[in-house]
């Protein structure tokens, strides 16, 4: 399985989040370290160590 992520570099740090979980950011001193931190973050979210509170929904409206 592959997960998309978004990152940017700020000074000496790579900061990023998983695209499916944008509320949670992590960082690493290298891109490789950031990717490891993102994997760990995903594991924590999936095991409910870090609860992911956002619950998207849909409603019908009339135009």
N, C-alpha and C. Protein backbone atom coordinates (compact mmCIF):
# COMPACT_ATOMS: atom_id res chain seq x y z
N UNK A 1 0.84 -1.17 0.00
CA UNK A 1 0.00 0.00 0.00
C UNK A 1 0.89 1.24 0.00
N UNK A 2 0.47 2.24 -0.72
CA UNK A 2 1.18 3.51 -0.75
C UNK A 2 0.28 4.60 -0.21
N UNK A 3 0.87 5.52 0.53
CA UNK A 3 0.16 6.69 1.04
C UNK A 3 0.82 7.94 0.50
N UNK A 4 0.02 8.89 0.08
CA UNK A 4 0.56 10.16 -0.38
C UNK A 4 0.87 11.07 0.79
N UNK A 5 1.88 11.90 0.62
CA UNK A 5 2.19 12.89 1.64
C UNK A 5 2.64 14.18 0.99
N UNK A 6 2.57 15.24 1.76
CA UNK A 6 2.98 16.56 1.33
C UNK A 6 4.03 17.06 2.31
N UNK A 7 5.09 17.68 1.80
CA UNK A 7 6.13 18.17 2.70
C UNK A 7 6.73 19.46 2.16
N UNK A 8 7.40 20.14 3.03
CA UNK A 8 8.20 21.30 2.65
C UNK A 8 9.43 21.33 3.54
N UNK A 9 10.42 22.07 3.11
CA UNK A 9 11.63 22.19 3.91
C UNK A 9 11.65 23.57 4.55
N UNK A 10 11.85 23.60 5.85
CA UNK A 10 11.97 24.84 6.59
C UNK A 10 13.29 24.80 7.35
N UNK A 11 14.19 25.65 6.94
CA UNK A 11 15.54 25.67 7.49
C UNK A 11 16.13 24.26 7.38
N UNK A 12 16.51 23.63 8.49
CA UNK A 12 17.15 22.31 8.42
C UNK A 12 16.15 21.16 8.55
N UNK A 13 14.85 21.45 8.53
CA UNK A 13 13.85 20.42 8.78
C UNK A 13 12.96 20.18 7.56
N UNK A 14 12.57 18.93 7.38
CA UNK A 14 11.54 18.56 6.43
C UNK A 14 10.26 18.35 7.24
N UNK A 15 9.22 19.06 6.91
CA UNK A 15 7.96 19.01 7.65
C UNK A 15 6.89 18.50 6.71
N UNK A 16 6.10 17.54 7.18
CA UNK A 16 5.10 16.99 6.28
C UNK A 16 3.91 16.38 6.99
N UNK A 17 2.92 16.01 6.19
CA UNK A 17 1.75 15.32 6.70
C UNK A 17 1.27 14.31 5.66
N UNK A 18 0.57 13.30 6.11
CA UNK A 18 -0.07 12.36 5.21
C UNK A 18 -1.27 13.05 4.58
N UNK A 19 -1.45 12.91 3.28
CA UNK A 19 -2.53 13.63 2.61
C UNK A 19 -3.91 13.26 3.16
N UNK A 20 -4.08 12.02 3.59
CA UNK A 20 -5.36 11.60 4.15
C UNK A 20 -5.56 12.09 5.59
N UNK A 21 -4.52 12.57 6.22
CA UNK A 21 -4.57 13.02 7.62
C UNK A 21 -3.85 14.35 7.78
N UNK A 22 -4.34 15.41 7.14
CA UNK A 22 -3.59 16.68 7.14
C UNK A 22 -3.52 17.38 8.49
N UNK A 23 -4.33 16.95 9.46
CA UNK A 23 -4.32 17.60 10.77
C UNK A 23 -3.07 17.28 11.57
N UNK A 24 -2.33 16.25 11.18
CA UNK A 24 -1.19 15.80 11.96
C UNK A 24 0.09 15.95 11.14
N UNK A 25 0.98 16.81 11.61
CA UNK A 25 2.26 17.01 10.95
C UNK A 25 3.37 16.36 11.76
N UNK A 26 4.45 16.05 11.07
CA UNK A 26 5.64 15.54 11.73
C UNK A 26 6.85 16.10 11.00
N UNK A 27 8.03 15.81 11.49
CA UNK A 27 9.23 16.39 10.88
C UNK A 27 10.40 15.43 10.97
N UNK A 28 11.38 15.71 10.14
CA UNK A 28 12.62 14.95 10.16
C UNK A 28 13.75 15.82 9.65
N UNK A 29 14.98 15.46 10.01
CA UNK A 29 16.12 16.23 9.54
C UNK A 29 16.52 15.88 8.12
N UNK A 30 16.05 14.73 7.63
CA UNK A 30 16.25 14.34 6.24
C UNK A 30 14.90 13.89 5.70
N UNK A 31 14.79 13.81 4.38
CA UNK A 31 13.55 13.33 3.78
C UNK A 31 13.29 11.88 4.18
N UNK A 32 14.33 11.09 4.28
CA UNK A 32 14.18 9.69 4.70
C UNK A 32 13.65 9.61 6.14
N UNK A 33 14.19 10.46 7.02
CA UNK A 33 13.71 10.47 8.40
C UNK A 33 12.25 10.92 8.46
N UNK A 34 11.88 11.91 7.66
CA UNK A 34 10.49 12.35 7.61
C UNK A 34 9.59 11.20 7.18
N UNK A 35 10.00 10.45 6.16
CA UNK A 35 9.19 9.32 5.71
C UNK A 35 9.02 8.28 6.81
N UNK A 36 10.06 8.02 7.58
CA UNK A 36 9.94 7.09 8.71
C UNK A 36 8.98 7.62 9.77
N UNK A 37 9.06 8.92 10.03
CA UNK A 37 8.16 9.53 11.00
C UNK A 37 6.71 9.48 10.51
N UNK A 38 6.50 9.65 9.20
CA UNK A 38 5.14 9.56 8.64
C UNK A 38 4.59 8.14 8.75
N UNK A 39 5.45 7.14 8.55
CA UNK A 39 5.02 5.75 8.73
C UNK A 39 4.61 5.50 10.17
N UNK A 40 5.40 6.01 11.10
CA UNK A 40 5.09 5.86 12.52
C UNK A 40 3.79 6.57 12.87
N UNK A 41 3.60 7.75 12.32
CA UNK A 41 2.37 8.50 12.54
C UNK A 41 1.17 7.72 12.03
N UNK A 42 1.29 7.14 10.86
CA UNK A 42 0.19 6.34 10.30
C UNK A 42 -0.13 5.15 11.22
N UNK A 43 0.89 4.48 11.69
CA UNK A 43 0.67 3.35 12.62
C UNK A 43 -0.05 3.82 13.87
N UNK A 44 0.34 4.98 14.41
CA UNK A 44 -0.30 5.51 15.61
C UNK A 44 -1.76 5.86 15.36
N UNK A 45 -2.06 6.44 14.21
CA UNK A 45 -3.45 6.78 13.88
C UNK A 45 -4.27 5.51 13.73
N UNK A 46 -3.76 4.53 13.02
CA UNK A 46 -4.51 3.30 12.78
C UNK A 46 -4.70 2.47 14.04
N UNK A 47 -3.81 2.57 15.01
CA UNK A 47 -3.94 1.81 16.25
C UNK A 47 -4.69 2.60 17.32
N UNK A 48 -5.18 3.80 16.96
CA UNK A 48 -5.89 4.69 17.87
C UNK A 48 -5.01 5.22 19.01
N UNK A 49 -3.70 5.09 18.88
CA UNK A 49 -2.80 5.74 19.84
C UNK A 49 -3.00 7.25 19.74
N UNK A 50 -3.15 7.73 18.50
CA UNK A 50 -3.52 9.12 18.24
C UNK A 50 -4.90 9.05 17.58
N UNK A 51 -5.94 9.45 18.28
CA UNK A 51 -7.27 9.37 17.67
C UNK A 51 -7.43 10.40 16.55
N UNK A 52 -7.95 9.97 15.44
CA UNK A 52 -8.22 10.89 14.35
C UNK A 52 -9.68 11.29 14.47
N UNK A 53 -9.92 12.52 14.84
CA UNK A 53 -11.24 12.97 15.23
C UNK A 53 -12.09 13.41 14.05
N UNK A 54 -11.50 13.89 13.00
CA UNK A 54 -12.27 14.41 11.86
C UNK A 54 -13.06 13.29 11.21
N UNK A 55 -14.36 13.52 11.03
CA UNK A 55 -15.23 12.54 10.38
C UNK A 55 -15.96 13.25 9.24
N UNK A 56 -15.52 13.04 8.01
CA UNK A 56 -16.18 13.72 6.89
C UNK A 56 -17.56 13.12 6.64
N UNK A 57 -18.45 13.95 6.14
CA UNK A 57 -19.79 13.50 5.79
C UNK A 57 -20.30 14.25 4.59
N UNK A 58 -21.48 13.87 4.11
CA UNK A 58 -22.09 14.55 2.96
C UNK A 58 -23.56 14.79 3.29
N UNK A 59 -24.06 15.90 2.78
CA UNK A 59 -25.47 16.19 2.91
C UNK A 59 -26.00 16.58 1.54
N UNK A 60 -27.28 16.44 1.35
CA UNK A 60 -27.91 16.86 0.10
C UNK A 60 -28.54 18.22 0.33
N UNK A 61 -28.33 19.11 -0.63
CA UNK A 61 -28.92 20.44 -0.58
C UNK A 61 -29.58 20.72 -1.92
N UNK A 62 -30.52 21.62 -1.91
CA UNK A 62 -31.15 22.02 -3.16
C UNK A 62 -30.54 23.33 -3.62
N UNK A 63 -30.37 23.43 -4.91
CA UNK A 63 -29.73 24.63 -5.47
C UNK A 63 -30.70 25.78 -5.59
